[in-house]
Amino acid sequence: MTIEVGDRLPKTTLVKATAEGPEATDTETFFAGRKVALFAVPGAFTPTCSAKHLPGFVEKREELAGKGIDEIACTSVNDAFVMAAWSKSSDAQGITMLSDGNGDFAEALGLTMDGSKFGMGKRSQRYSMIVEDGVVTQLNVEGPGEFRVSSAEHLLGNL
């Protein structure tokens, strides 16, 4: 079953990529008591993710904060070391990188895709959402191969 607006995020463990190294956090703790803009990409360093998706959120970071967003986070089915390297190479300051290394979070949300055709295995679908105190208040899931509704601009326009 796919998560919907009004649903509480399932409790799973994600790993934050920090300057001190990987730091495990559970979704209940991470999303508690605040408004988070979360976006997911099929893979760090992949073309659309690196050229459009992540840079859009970096560019719109202050505008999102102005609309009441406490934190912007990116998740991907990559390990925390890859997420940290991607953040550094993309100069993604102000974006929290959340590793979903085994795809447990994507699976719990019902938002996985099969990237086997490209040698990527099970990955997260591309989406964006607003999570307020652990509850999804906006959800924008892309169709296969698309990049429109999960963009920072679209998310911002719907706040």
Protein backbone atom coordinates (compact mmCIF):
# COMPACT_ATOMS: atom_id res chain seq x y z
CA MET A 1 0.00 0.00 0.00
CA THR A 2 1.33 3.43 -0.93
CA ILE A 3 1.49 6.18 1.68
CA GLU A 4 -1.09 8.93 1.27
CA VAL A 5 -1.68 12.45 2.50
CA GLY A 6 -2.88 12.21 6.10
CA ASP A 7 -0.88 9.06 6.86
CA ARG A 8 1.80 8.92 9.53
CA LEU A 9 5.22 7.87 8.25
CA PRO A 10 6.06 4.28 9.12
CA LYS A 11 8.77 3.80 11.74
CA THR A 12 11.99 2.76 10.03
CA THR A 13 15.66 3.56 10.46
CA LEU A 14 17.49 5.96 8.17
CA VAL A 15 21.15 6.94 8.37
CA LYS A 16 22.12 10.61 8.33
CA ALA A 17 25.28 11.46 6.47
CA THR A 18 27.16 13.81 8.82
CA ALA A 19 30.64 15.34 8.91
CA GLU A 20 31.41 12.96 11.79
CA GLY A 21 30.22 9.93 9.81
CA PRO A 22 26.99 7.93 9.56
CA GLU A 23 24.41 8.51 12.30
CA ALA A 24 21.35 6.25 12.59
CA THR A 25 18.00 7.88 13.29
CA ASP A 26 14.47 6.57 13.26
CA THR A 27 11.73 8.31 11.35
CA GLU A 28 9.65 8.99 14.47
CA THR A 29 12.51 10.94 16.05
CA PHE A 30 13.69 12.69 12.89
CA PHE A 31 10.28 14.04 11.84
CA ALA A 32 8.87 14.72 15.34
CA GLY A 33 7.61 18.20 16.13
CA ARG A 34 8.59 19.98 12.95
CA LYS A 35 7.80 20.57 9.29
CA VAL A 36 10.16 18.79 6.89
CA ALA A 37 10.36 18.96 3.11
CA LEU A 38 11.50 15.48 2.08
CA PHE A 39 12.44 14.48 -1.42
CA ALA A 40 13.60 11.15 -2.76
CA VAL A 41 15.77 10.34 -5.73
CA PRO A 42 16.43 7.01 -7.45
CA GLY A 43 20.17 7.44 -7.00
CA ALA A 44 22.87 9.84 -5.90
CA PHE A 45 25.06 11.07 -8.76
CA THR A 46 22.48 10.05 -11.38
CA PRO A 47 21.82 12.63 -14.16
CA THR A 48 18.41 14.13 -13.30
CA CYS A 49 19.04 13.85 -9.56
CA SER A 50 22.37 15.69 -9.79
CA ALA A 51 21.50 18.23 -12.48
CA LYS A 52 17.97 19.19 -11.41
CA HIS A 53 16.44 17.61 -8.33
CA LEU A 54 19.05 18.27 -5.62
CA PRO A 55 20.15 21.67 -7.03
CA GLY A 56 16.53 22.85 -7.06
CA PHE A 57 16.18 22.25 -3.34
CA VAL A 58 19.53 23.89 -2.63
CA GLU A 59 18.43 26.93 -4.66
CA LYS A 60 14.99 27.15 -3.00
CA ARG A 61 16.21 26.43 0.54
CA GLU A 62 15.59 29.95 1.87
CA GLU A 63 12.20 30.29 0.17
CA LEU A 64 11.11 26.99 1.70
CA ALA A 65 12.28 28.15 5.13
CA GLY A 66 10.26 31.31 4.60
CA LYS A 67 7.17 29.14 4.13
CA GLY A 68 7.71 27.42 7.49
CA ILE A 69 9.91 24.49 6.49
CA ASP A 70 12.21 23.61 9.40
CA GLU A 71 14.41 21.20 7.47
CA ILE A 72 14.95 19.90 3.96
CA ALA A 73 15.99 16.28 3.63
CA CYS A 74 16.90 14.06 0.70
CA THR A 75 16.65 10.28 0.78
CA SER A 76 17.93 7.66 -1.61
CA VAL A 77 18.65 3.94 -1.65
CA ASN A 78 22.37 4.61 -1.33
CA ASP A 79 24.70 4.22 1.65
CA ALA A 80 25.52 7.16 3.91
CA PHE A 81 29.05 7.47 2.51
CA VAL A 82 27.72 7.92 -1.03
CA MET A 83 25.12 10.42 0.21
CA ALA A 84 27.84 12.40 2.02
CA ALA A 85 30.09 12.42 -1.06
CA TRP A 86 27.18 13.52 -3.25
CA SER A 87 26.31 16.32 -0.82
CA LYS A 88 29.91 17.52 -0.77
CA SER A 89 30.39 17.38 -4.54
CA SER A 90 27.06 19.17 -5.08
CA ASP A 91 27.70 21.80 -2.39
CA ALA A 92 24.32 20.86 -0.92
CA GLN A 93 24.69 22.82 2.30
CA GLY A 94 21.50 22.95 4.30
CA ILE A 95 20.14 19.68 2.91
CA THR A 96 20.13 16.70 5.28
CA MET A 97 21.11 13.53 3.44
CA LEU A 98 19.26 10.44 4.65
CA SER A 99 20.52 7.08 3.52
CA ASP A 100 17.93 4.37 2.96
CA GLY A 101 20.68 1.88 2.13
CA ASN A 102 18.53 -1.26 2.10
CA GLY A 103 15.42 0.45 0.73
CA ASP A 104 13.41 -0.27 3.88
CA PHE A 105 11.94 3.23 4.07
CA ALA A 106 11.00 3.30 0.37
CA GLU A 107 9.41 -0.13 0.74
CA ALA A 108 7.49 0.85 3.89
CA LEU A 109 6.12 3.89 2.00
CA GLY A 110 5.11 1.71 -0.95
CA LEU A 111 7.29 3.89 -3.18
CA THR A 112 9.86 1.51 -4.65
CA MET A 113 10.77 1.04 -8.28
CA ASP A 114 12.71 -1.62 -10.12
CA GLY A 115 15.88 -0.14 -11.58
CA SER A 116 17.29 -3.55 -12.61
CA LYS A 117 17.14 -2.58 -16.27
CA PHE A 118 19.84 -0.02 -15.46
CA GLY A 119 21.81 -2.22 -13.05
CA MET A 120 20.42 -0.36 -10.03
CA GLY A 121 18.15 -2.98 -8.42
CA LYS A 122 15.37 -1.89 -6.08
CA ARG A 123 15.31 1.89 -5.63
CA SER A 124 13.04 4.64 -4.40
CA GLN A 125 10.65 6.32 -6.78
CA ARG A 126 11.22 10.03 -7.30
CA TYR A 127 8.91 12.07 -5.06
CA SER A 128 8.65 15.02 -2.72
CA MET A 129 6.51 15.44 0.35
CA ILE A 130 5.84 17.71 3.28
CA VAL A 131 5.87 15.93 6.63
CA GLU A 132 4.45 17.75 9.65
CA ASP A 133 5.20 16.08 12.99
CA GLY A 134 5.47 12.72 11.22
CA VAL A 135 2.28 13.08 9.14
CA VAL A 136 2.32 13.52 5.34
CA THR A 137 0.52 16.75 4.40
CA GLN A 138 1.65 16.95 0.77
CA LEU A 139 2.79 14.15 -1.54
CA ASN A 140 4.05 14.46 -5.12
CA VAL A 141 5.05 11.19 -6.80
CA GLU A 142 6.55 11.24 -10.28
CA GLY A 143 5.55 8.94 -13.09
CA PRO A 144 8.31 6.73 -14.56
CA GLY A 145 11.05 8.81 -16.18
CA GLU A 146 9.43 12.13 -15.25
CA PHE A 147 10.65 15.13 -13.28
CA ARG A 148 7.95 17.72 -12.67
CA VAL A 149 5.84 17.34 -9.54
CA SER A 150 8.68 16.37 -7.17
CA SER A 151 10.67 19.54 -7.87
CA ALA A 152 11.37 22.18 -5.23
CA GLU A 153 9.47 24.69 -7.35
CA HIS A 154 6.33 22.53 -7.44
CA LEU A 155 6.53 21.79 -3.72
CA LEU A 156 7.02 25.47 -2.93
CA GLY A 157 4.11 26.47 -5.15
CA ASN A 158 1.80 24.18 -3.18
CA LEU A 159 2.73 25.47 0.29
